[in-house]
Amino acid sequence: MRISNDASIPDTAVVQYIQIDSTGVGSWSGQHKYIYSPQTRVRYETYPGLDYVLNIPENTLSVKQQWGISTGIEHLFTPTAKWTPNIYFAYKYIIQ
């Protein structure tokens, strides 16, 4: 996983929502996607078929933190699978 700390994102930027897509190789069903925030010590998740992370406390989590990304698959129909998600953060910040 490539971690980016984009200098163009202000340190004060807060999360509005997070989207994790299901890009990958393999055949599965019932994929749950998880993202862990060390700021709150909570692992947020999506439901199968849904890409938006649920229950994110809007406008309180810092975008610039080390987010832990993982997944759980209910049924795997191939011997191997590869998950290479795209993760999108919608954020906002105050312009001074």
Protein backbone atom coordinates (compact mmCIF):
# COMPACT_ATOMS: atom_id res chain seq x y z
CA MET A 1 0.00 0.00 0.00
CA ARG A 2 1.29 3.43 -0.92
CA ILE A 3 0.83 6.08 1.75
CA SER A 4 0.74 9.67 0.67
CA ASN A 5 0.99 12.73 2.86
CA ASP A 6 0.05 15.36 0.31
CA ALA A 7 1.46 18.74 1.30
CA SER A 8 -1.43 20.46 -0.50
CA ILE A 9 -3.91 19.10 2.05
CA PRO A 10 -3.93 21.41 5.09
CA ASP A 11 -3.17 19.87 8.47
CA THR A 12 -6.57 21.12 9.67
CA ALA A 13 -8.55 19.19 7.01
CA VAL A 14 -11.36 17.07 8.47
CA VAL A 15 -13.19 14.11 6.93
CA GLN A 16 -16.70 14.54 5.53
CA TYR A 17 -16.93 10.99 4.16
CA ILE A 18 -14.75 8.12 2.95
CA GLN A 19 -15.35 5.86 -0.04
CA ILE A 20 -13.45 2.60 -0.65
CA ASP A 21 -14.10 0.88 -3.98
CA SER A 22 -13.94 -2.84 -4.68
CA THR A 23 -11.25 -2.94 -7.38
CA GLY A 24 -9.42 -6.25 -7.40
CA VAL A 25 -8.79 -9.62 -8.97
CA GLY A 26 -10.68 -12.68 -7.81
CA SER A 27 -14.25 -13.75 -7.33
CA TRP A 28 -15.93 -13.17 -4.00
CA SER A 29 -19.19 -12.12 -2.43
CA GLY A 30 -20.06 -10.35 0.78
CA GLN A 31 -17.03 -8.06 1.02
CA HIS A 32 -16.87 -5.82 4.08
CA LYS A 33 -14.31 -3.02 3.91
CA TYR A 34 -12.78 -1.60 7.09
CA ILE A 35 -10.81 1.54 7.87
CA TYR A 36 -9.21 2.09 11.26
CA SER A 37 -8.69 5.54 12.78
CA PRO A 38 -6.04 5.70 15.50
CA GLN A 39 -7.48 9.10 16.42
CA THR A 40 -10.70 7.51 17.71
CA ARG A 41 -9.42 3.91 18.06
CA VAL A 42 -12.45 2.77 16.08
CA ARG A 43 -12.67 0.50 13.02
CA TYR A 44 -15.35 1.84 10.67
CA GLU A 45 -16.86 -0.40 7.97
CA THR A 46 -18.99 -0.72 4.88
CA TYR A 47 -21.65 -3.32 4.17
CA PRO A 48 -21.39 -5.75 1.24
CA GLY A 49 -22.13 -3.94 -2.03
CA LEU A 50 -21.66 -0.51 -0.43
CA ASP A 51 -18.52 1.57 -0.96
CA TYR A 52 -19.18 4.36 1.54
CA VAL A 53 -17.74 3.90 5.01
CA LEU A 54 -20.51 4.14 7.58
CA ASN A 55 -20.73 5.96 10.89
CA ILE A 56 -17.81 8.31 10.27
CA PRO A 57 -18.23 11.22 12.69
CA GLU A 58 -18.40 14.04 10.15
CA ASN A 59 -16.05 16.99 10.55
CA THR A 60 -14.17 15.58 13.56
CA LEU A 61 -11.57 13.15 12.15
CA SER A 62 -8.29 14.47 10.80
CA VAL A 63 -7.55 13.46 7.19
CA LYS A 64 -3.82 13.37 7.90
CA GLN A 65 -3.47 10.30 10.06
CA GLN A 66 -2.29 6.74 9.40
CA TRP A 67 -5.51 5.02 8.31
CA GLY A 68 -5.49 1.22 8.56
CA ILE A 69 -7.29 -0.45 5.63
CA SER A 70 -8.53 -4.07 5.64
CA THR A 71 -11.29 -6.25 4.26
CA GLY A 72 -13.32 -9.32 5.11
CA ILE A 73 -14.88 -11.60 2.49
CA GLU A 74 -17.82 -13.89 3.32
CA HIS A 75 -17.39 -16.24 0.32
CA LEU A 76 -14.29 -16.71 -1.84
CA PHE A 77 -14.95 -18.53 -5.11
CA THR A 78 -11.36 -18.65 -6.40
CA PRO A 79 -8.25 -20.06 -4.71
CA THR A 80 -6.66 -16.59 -4.60
CA ALA A 81 -7.90 -13.03 -4.63
CA LYS A 82 -6.22 -9.64 -4.83
CA TRP A 83 -7.81 -6.46 -3.53
CA THR A 84 -6.33 -3.15 -4.64
CA PRO A 85 -8.82 -0.54 -3.46
CA ASN A 86 -9.04 3.09 -4.37
CA ILE A 87 -9.75 5.16 -1.28
CA TYR A 88 -11.35 8.59 -1.57
CA PHE A 89 -11.52 11.12 1.25
CA ALA A 90 -13.96 14.00 1.00
CA TYR A 91 -12.67 16.67 3.32
CA LYS A 92 -13.03 20.32 4.18
CA TYR A 93 -11.01 22.95 5.95
CA ILE A 94 -11.25 26.60 6.92
CA ILE A 95 -9.52 29.11 4.64
CA GLN A 96 -7.90 31.86 6.66
